[in-house]
N, C-alpha and C. Protein backbone atom coordinates (compact mmCIF):
# COMPACT_ATOMS: atom_id res chain seq x y z
N MET A 1 -68.95 -24.36 -85.76
CA MET A 1 -69.88 -25.76 -85.38
C MET A 1 -70.13 -26.01 -84.15
N ARG A 2 -69.52 -25.32 -83.57
CA ARG A 2 -69.74 -25.16 -81.63
C ARG A 2 -71.03 -24.39 -81.62
N LYS A 3 -70.64 -23.23 -82.09
CA LYS A 3 -71.90 -22.38 -81.78
C LYS A 3 -73.49 -22.74 -82.69
N VAL A 4 -73.40 -23.33 -83.43
CA VAL A 4 -74.76 -23.82 -84.59
C VAL A 4 -75.03 -24.92 -83.28
N SER A 5 -74.42 -25.77 -82.88
CA SER A 5 -74.53 -27.33 -82.02
C SER A 5 -75.26 -26.02 -80.81
N TYR A 6 -74.68 -24.94 -80.33
CA TYR A 6 -75.00 -24.32 -79.19
C TYR A 6 -76.24 -23.52 -79.25
N GLN A 7 -76.50 -23.21 -80.28
CA GLN A 7 -77.97 -22.41 -80.52
C GLN A 7 -79.32 -23.31 -80.91
N LEU A 8 -78.56 -24.46 -81.26
CA LEU A 8 -79.51 -25.70 -81.78
C LEU A 8 -80.22 -25.87 -80.21
N TYR A 9 -79.36 -26.34 -79.77
CA TYR A 9 -79.61 -26.66 -78.11
C TYR A 9 -80.60 -25.76 -77.70
N LEU A 10 -80.27 -24.59 -77.66
CA LEU A 10 -81.21 -23.75 -77.40
C LEU A 10 -82.66 -23.63 -76.96
N ALA A 11 -82.76 -23.45 -78.94
CA ALA A 11 -84.00 -23.32 -79.60
C ALA A 11 -84.69 -24.98 -79.32
N ILE A 12 -83.54 -26.08 -79.18
CA ILE A 12 -84.59 -27.18 -78.77
C ILE A 12 -85.22 -26.99 -77.47
N GLU A 13 -84.33 -26.45 -76.71
CA GLU A 13 -84.61 -26.55 -75.11
C GLU A 13 -85.90 -25.07 -74.46
N ASP A 14 -86.16 -25.00 -75.75
CA ASP A 14 -87.06 -23.43 -75.75
C ASP A 14 -86.47 -22.33 -74.47
N VAL A 15 -85.18 -22.45 -74.87
CA VAL A 15 -84.31 -21.30 -73.88
C VAL A 15 -83.78 -20.04 -74.57
N ASP A 16 -84.37 -19.05 -73.90
CA ASP A 16 -84.29 -17.49 -74.42
C ASP A 16 -83.18 -17.42 -73.89
N HIS A 17 -82.03 -17.41 -74.74
CA HIS A 17 -80.78 -16.80 -74.35
C HIS A 17 -80.31 -15.27 -74.63
N THR A 18 -80.33 -14.75 -73.72
CA THR A 18 -79.75 -13.21 -73.56
C THR A 18 -78.39 -13.07 -72.96
N ARG A 19 -77.60 -11.62 -73.23
CA ARG A 19 -76.55 -11.55 -72.68
C ARG A 19 -76.33 -10.35 -72.08
N THR A 20 -75.57 -10.19 -70.82
CA THR A 20 -75.62 -9.03 -70.61
C THR A 20 -74.75 -7.68 -70.39
N LYS A 21 -74.77 -6.89 -71.07
CA LYS A 21 -73.34 -5.67 -71.45
C LYS A 21 -72.80 -5.89 -70.75
N ALA A 22 -70.86 -5.71 -71.31
CA ALA A 22 -69.88 -5.81 -70.55
C ALA A 22 -70.33 -4.65 -69.35
N ARG A 23 -68.94 -4.55 -68.10
CA ARG A 23 -69.27 -4.12 -67.34
C ARG A 23 -70.19 -2.89 -67.02
N SER A 24 -71.19 -3.50 -67.02
CA SER A 24 -72.55 -3.16 -66.61
C SER A 24 -73.33 -4.04 -65.55
N PRO A 25 -73.10 -3.99 -64.51
CA PRO A 25 -73.75 -4.71 -63.42
C PRO A 25 -75.33 -4.54 -63.37
N GLN A 26 -75.56 -3.39 -63.57
CA GLN A 26 -77.23 -3.08 -63.52
C GLN A 26 -78.14 -4.17 -63.79
N THR A 27 -77.27 -4.49 -65.45
CA THR A 27 -77.93 -5.29 -66.62
C THR A 27 -77.81 -7.15 -65.80
N ASN A 28 -77.36 -7.16 -64.74
CA ASN A 28 -77.66 -8.69 -64.68
C ASN A 28 -77.78 -8.96 -62.69
N GLY A 29 -79.36 -7.99 -62.22
CA GLY A 29 -79.34 -7.79 -61.11
C GLY A 29 -79.33 -9.21 -60.08
N ILE A 30 -79.62 -9.90 -61.26
CA ILE A 30 -80.12 -11.17 -59.81
C ILE A 30 -78.57 -11.80 -59.49
N CYS A 31 -77.99 -11.84 -60.40
CA CYS A 31 -76.58 -11.95 -59.48
C CYS A 31 -75.76 -11.24 -58.91
N GLU A 32 -75.98 -9.82 -59.62
CA GLU A 32 -75.32 -9.08 -58.27
C GLU A 32 -75.94 -9.21 -57.15
N ARG A 33 -77.27 -9.48 -56.87
CA ARG A 33 -77.90 -9.03 -56.13
C ARG A 33 -77.61 -10.41 -54.85
N PHE A 34 -77.05 -11.60 -55.66
CA PHE A 34 -76.41 -12.88 -55.29
C PHE A 34 -74.87 -12.59 -54.10
N HIS A 35 -74.19 -11.97 -54.86
CA HIS A 35 -72.79 -11.30 -54.66
C HIS A 35 -73.13 -10.62 -53.07
N ARG A 36 -74.15 -9.71 -53.20
CA ARG A 36 -73.61 -8.80 -52.54
C ARG A 36 -74.36 -9.70 -51.13
N THR A 37 -75.26 -10.38 -51.26
CA THR A 37 -75.80 -11.11 -49.90
C THR A 37 -75.35 -12.17 -49.69
N MET A 38 -73.88 -12.65 -50.46
CA MET A 38 -73.31 -13.85 -49.88
C MET A 38 -72.03 -12.58 -49.41
N LYS A 39 -71.86 -11.60 -50.06
CA LYS A 39 -70.89 -11.00 -49.31
C LYS A 39 -71.19 -10.27 -47.78
N GLN A 40 -72.56 -9.84 -47.55
CA GLN A 40 -72.79 -9.36 -46.64
C GLN A 40 -73.40 -10.33 -45.29
N GLU A 41 -74.16 -11.59 -45.67
CA GLU A 41 -74.35 -12.63 -45.10
C GLU A 41 -73.45 -13.78 -44.79
N PHE A 42 -71.93 -13.80 -45.79
CA PHE A 42 -71.02 -15.00 -45.24
C PHE A 42 -69.75 -14.07 -45.25
N TYR A 43 -69.10 -13.86 -45.74
CA TYR A 43 -68.15 -13.31 -46.34
C TYR A 43 -67.53 -12.54 -45.00
N ASP A 44 -68.70 -11.13 -44.83
CA ASP A 44 -68.30 -10.25 -43.89
C ASP A 44 -68.19 -11.18 -42.67
N ILE A 45 -69.00 -11.85 -42.11
CA ILE A 45 -68.98 -12.62 -40.86
C ILE A 45 -67.78 -13.64 -41.43
N ALA A 46 -67.79 -14.39 -41.43
CA ALA A 46 -66.81 -15.66 -41.42
C ALA A 46 -65.50 -14.72 -41.32
N PHE A 47 -65.07 -13.74 -42.53
CA PHE A 47 -63.69 -13.29 -42.21
C PHE A 47 -63.57 -12.71 -40.98
N ARG A 48 -64.74 -11.42 -40.63
CA ARG A 48 -64.37 -11.50 -38.64
C ARG A 48 -64.24 -12.56 -37.69
N LYS A 49 -64.53 -13.72 -37.63
CA LYS A 49 -64.73 -14.45 -36.69
C LYS A 49 -63.88 -15.84 -37.25
N LYS A 50 -63.36 -15.63 -37.95
CA LYS A 50 -61.87 -17.23 -38.76
C LYS A 50 -61.16 -16.41 -38.84
N VAL A 51 -59.93 -16.99 -38.80
CA VAL A 51 -58.54 -17.14 -40.23
C VAL A 51 -58.55 -18.19 -40.56
N TYR A 52 -58.91 -17.72 -42.03
CA TYR A 52 -58.75 -19.33 -42.91
C TYR A 52 -57.12 -19.87 -43.52
N ASN A 53 -56.70 -20.93 -43.27
CA ASN A 53 -55.15 -21.18 -43.29
C ASN A 53 -55.57 -21.85 -45.11
N SER A 54 -56.73 -21.84 -45.70
CA SER A 54 -56.83 -22.62 -46.75
C SER A 54 -57.75 -22.45 -47.51
N LEU A 55 -57.66 -22.28 -48.72
CA LEU A 55 -59.49 -22.14 -49.72
C LEU A 55 -59.75 -23.37 -49.57
N GLU A 56 -59.37 -24.60 -49.10
CA GLU A 56 -60.11 -25.55 -48.42
C GLU A 56 -61.05 -25.85 -47.13
N GLU A 57 -60.07 -25.21 -46.68
CA GLU A 57 -60.87 -24.70 -45.28
C GLU A 57 -62.31 -23.96 -45.04
N LEU A 58 -61.81 -22.51 -46.14
CA LEU A 58 -62.88 -21.47 -46.56
C LEU A 58 -63.70 -22.30 -47.64
N GLN A 59 -63.47 -23.30 -48.59
CA GLN A 59 -64.60 -23.90 -49.28
C GLN A 59 -65.37 -24.37 -48.10
N VAL A 60 -64.95 -25.23 -47.58
CA VAL A 60 -66.49 -26.02 -46.45
C VAL A 60 -67.62 -24.82 -45.62
N ASP A 61 -66.88 -24.44 -45.25
CA ASP A 61 -67.29 -23.02 -44.94
C ASP A 61 -68.78 -22.29 -45.87
N VAL A 62 -68.22 -21.90 -47.12
CA VAL A 62 -68.90 -21.90 -48.19
C VAL A 62 -69.90 -22.66 -48.61
N ASP A 63 -69.64 -23.85 -48.52
CA ASP A 63 -70.44 -25.23 -48.51
C ASP A 63 -71.76 -25.00 -47.54
N GLU A 64 -71.37 -24.66 -46.53
CA GLU A 64 -72.07 -25.09 -45.63
C GLU A 64 -73.01 -23.63 -45.51
N TRP A 65 -72.76 -23.04 -45.66
CA TRP A 65 -73.49 -21.47 -46.04
C TRP A 65 -74.46 -21.70 -47.64
N LEU A 66 -74.25 -21.99 -48.45
CA LEU A 66 -75.12 -22.30 -49.26
C LEU A 66 -76.02 -23.09 -49.13
N ILE A 67 -75.84 -24.13 -48.61
CA ILE A 67 -76.85 -25.02 -48.01
C ILE A 67 -78.19 -24.69 -47.33
N LYS A 68 -77.57 -23.73 -46.55
CA LYS A 68 -78.31 -22.82 -45.42
C LYS A 68 -79.17 -21.89 -46.57
N TYR A 69 -78.70 -21.29 -47.30
CA TYR A 69 -78.80 -20.31 -48.51
C TYR A 69 -79.76 -20.83 -49.39
N ASN A 70 -79.61 -22.29 -49.40
CA ASN A 70 -80.52 -22.68 -50.62
C ASN A 70 -81.62 -23.94 -50.17
N GLN A 71 -81.48 -24.06 -49.23
CA GLN A 71 -82.39 -24.46 -48.85
C GLN A 71 -83.44 -24.55 -47.52
N HIS A 72 -82.58 -23.95 -46.19
CA HIS A 72 -82.93 -23.37 -45.17
C HIS A 72 -83.77 -21.97 -45.20
N ARG A 73 -83.14 -21.07 -46.00
CA ARG A 73 -83.74 -19.92 -45.93
C ARG A 73 -84.52 -18.97 -46.81
N PRO A 74 -85.41 -19.07 -46.34
CA PRO A 74 -87.07 -18.20 -47.77
C PRO A 74 -86.34 -17.23 -47.79
N HIS A 75 -86.65 -16.67 -49.24
CA HIS A 75 -86.08 -15.96 -50.27
C HIS A 75 -87.61 -14.88 -50.73
N SER A 76 -87.34 -14.01 -50.67
CA SER A 76 -88.83 -13.00 -51.31
C SER A 76 -88.49 -12.71 -52.61
N GLY A 77 -89.36 -12.45 -53.47
CA GLY A 77 -88.79 -12.33 -54.88
C GLY A 77 -89.17 -13.15 -56.06
N LYS A 78 -89.06 -12.51 -57.32
CA LYS A 78 -90.11 -12.60 -58.09
C LYS A 78 -89.83 -14.49 -58.73
N TYR A 79 -89.15 -15.44 -57.77
CA TYR A 79 -89.46 -16.72 -58.19
C TYR A 79 -89.98 -17.56 -56.84
N CYS A 80 -89.31 -17.04 -55.88
CA CYS A 80 -89.18 -17.79 -54.90
C CYS A 80 -90.75 -17.70 -54.13
N TYR A 81 -91.12 -16.44 -53.68
CA TYR A 81 -92.30 -16.14 -53.01
C TYR A 81 -92.38 -16.60 -51.81
N GLY A 82 -91.54 -16.81 -50.80
CA GLY A 82 -90.99 -16.67 -49.40
C GLY A 82 -90.73 -17.89 -49.50
N LYS A 83 -90.85 -18.78 -50.40
CA LYS A 83 -89.96 -20.08 -50.22
C LYS A 83 -88.74 -20.28 -50.39
N THR A 84 -87.68 -21.26 -49.97
CA THR A 84 -86.51 -21.65 -50.42
C THR A 84 -86.17 -21.83 -51.68
N PRO A 85 -84.60 -21.50 -52.30
CA PRO A 85 -85.02 -21.83 -53.22
C PRO A 85 -84.81 -23.88 -53.89
N MET A 86 -84.46 -24.37 -52.96
CA MET A 86 -84.86 -25.91 -53.27
C MET A 86 -86.42 -25.93 -53.10
N GLN A 87 -87.55 -25.51 -52.59
CA GLN A 87 -88.73 -25.06 -52.59
C GLN A 87 -89.08 -25.02 -53.94
N THR A 88 -88.45 -24.26 -54.72
CA THR A 88 -89.36 -23.46 -55.72
C THR A 88 -88.47 -24.84 -56.38
N PHE A 89 -87.48 -25.34 -56.53
CA PHE A 89 -87.11 -26.09 -57.44
C PHE A 89 -87.84 -27.27 -57.42
N GLN A 90 -88.16 -27.83 -56.46
CA GLN A 90 -88.75 -29.12 -56.09
C GLN A 90 -90.12 -28.98 -56.97
N ASP A 91 -91.02 -27.76 -56.57
CA ASP A 91 -92.16 -27.43 -57.03
C ASP A 91 -92.25 -27.44 -58.48
N SER A 92 -91.16 -26.70 -59.19
CA SER A 92 -91.17 -26.85 -60.82
C SER A 92 -90.87 -27.50 -61.45
N LYS A 93 -90.15 -29.28 -60.79
CA LYS A 93 -89.48 -30.27 -61.39
C LYS A 93 -90.76 -30.78 -62.03
N HIS A 94 -92.42 -30.84 -61.94
CA HIS A 94 -93.56 -31.38 -62.21
C HIS A 94 -93.39 -30.58 -63.94
N LEU A 95 -93.28 -29.36 -63.65
CA LEU A 95 -93.33 -28.67 -64.88
C LEU A 95 -92.35 -28.83 -65.71
N ALA A 96 -91.07 -28.71 -65.52
CA ALA A 96 -89.83 -29.17 -66.34
C ALA A 96 -90.29 -31.15 -67.29
N GLN A 97 -90.97 -31.61 -66.33
CA GLN A 97 -91.23 -33.29 -66.51
C GLN A 97 -92.24 -33.21 -67.62
N GLU A 98 -93.25 -32.45 -67.41
CA GLU A 98 -94.54 -32.54 -68.70
C GLU A 98 -93.86 -31.61 -69.83
N LYS A 99 -92.77 -30.46 -69.50
CA LYS A 99 -92.53 -29.92 -70.82
C LYS A 99 -91.65 -30.74 -71.68
N ILE A 100 -90.43 -31.78 -70.54
CA ILE A 100 -90.07 -32.93 -71.50
C ILE A 100 -90.71 -34.32 -72.03
N ILE A 101 -92.48 -34.07 -71.65
CA ILE A 101 -93.02 -35.17 -72.16
C ILE A 101 -94.37 -34.46 -73.36
N ASN A 102 -93.92 -33.12 -73.25
CA ASN A 102 -94.29 -32.34 -74.45
C ASN A 102 -93.11 -32.62 -75.91
N LYS A 103 -92.24 -32.56 -75.72
CA LYS A 103 -91.31 -32.35 -76.77
C LYS A 103 -91.46 -33.69 -76.88
N ASN A 104 -91.19 -34.85 -76.09
CA ASN A 104 -91.46 -35.97 -76.91
C ASN A 104 -92.46 -36.70 -78.20
N VAL A 105 -93.66 -35.66 -77.17
CA VAL A 105 -94.62 -36.36 -78.08
C VAL A 105 -94.44 -35.52 -78.91
N GLN A 106 -94.07 -34.37 -78.90
CA GLN A 106 -93.69 -33.33 -80.37
C GLN A 106 -92.63 -34.07 -81.35
N SER A 107 -91.65 -34.49 -80.73
CA SER A 107 -91.01 -35.30 -81.57
C SER A 107 -91.39 -36.56 -82.44
N ASP A 108 -91.89 -36.94 -81.80
CA ASP A 108 -92.41 -38.59 -82.01
C ASP A 108 -93.97 -38.24 -83.29
N SER A 109 -93.96 -37.06 -82.83
CA SER A 109 -95.14 -36.47 -84.12
C SER A 109 -94.57 -36.63 -85.40
N LEU A 110 -93.51 -35.24 -84.33
CA LEU A 110 -92.58 -35.32 -86.26
C LEU A 110 -92.28 -36.04 -87.01
N ILE A 111 -91.51 -37.32 -86.32
CA ILE A 111 -90.64 -38.37 -87.02
C ILE A 111 -92.44 -39.21 -87.62
N ASN A 112 -93.22 -39.34 -86.96
CA ASN A 112 -94.12 -39.91 -87.88
C ASN A 112 -94.89 -38.91 -88.83
N GLN A 113 -94.49 -37.86 -88.98
CA GLN A 113 -94.92 -37.03 -89.99
C GLN A 113 -93.85 -37.40 -91.42
N THR A 114 -92.94 -37.14 -90.95
CA THR A 114 -91.76 -37.48 -91.76
C THR A 114 -91.58 -38.37 -92.73
N ASN A 115 -92.20 -40.32 -91.55
CA ASN A 115 -92.29 -41.46 -92.00
C ASN A 115 -93.70 -41.47 -93.46
N VAL A 116 -94.40 -40.85 -92.89
CA VAL A 116 -95.42 -41.10 -93.94
C VAL A 116 -95.13 -40.02 -95.29
N VAL A 117 -94.29 -38.93 -95.13
CA VAL A 117 -94.69 -38.37 -96.25
C VAL A 117 -93.56 -39.01 -97.79
N ARG A 118 -92.33 -40.04 -96.87
CA ARG A 118 -91.42 -40.47 -97.67
C ARG A 118 -92.20 -41.63 -97.97
């Protein structure tokens, strides 16, 4: 039942679900690139500058880096085109809202058609 619910949700949200091949990082390029960037721009530097006494202490610095990465650092590439990820997200919010409105209109139309048939 859970698998059906998940597939139904993806269909309703018009999400194209794909899987990456196991043990094959080249099929998951965006995630792998992020891991490399985080290693080079955060971990390699942070561990040279500071000795962490707890995971919580490390997490504070990771969180600060992620804010800079997502809100202040422009990204080139397929989705951001020189904007920050946050700017890209903010710019796309109206598209998501339009999609929600269109789905609601379609759902209302289907409900009305169903009621007419009855």
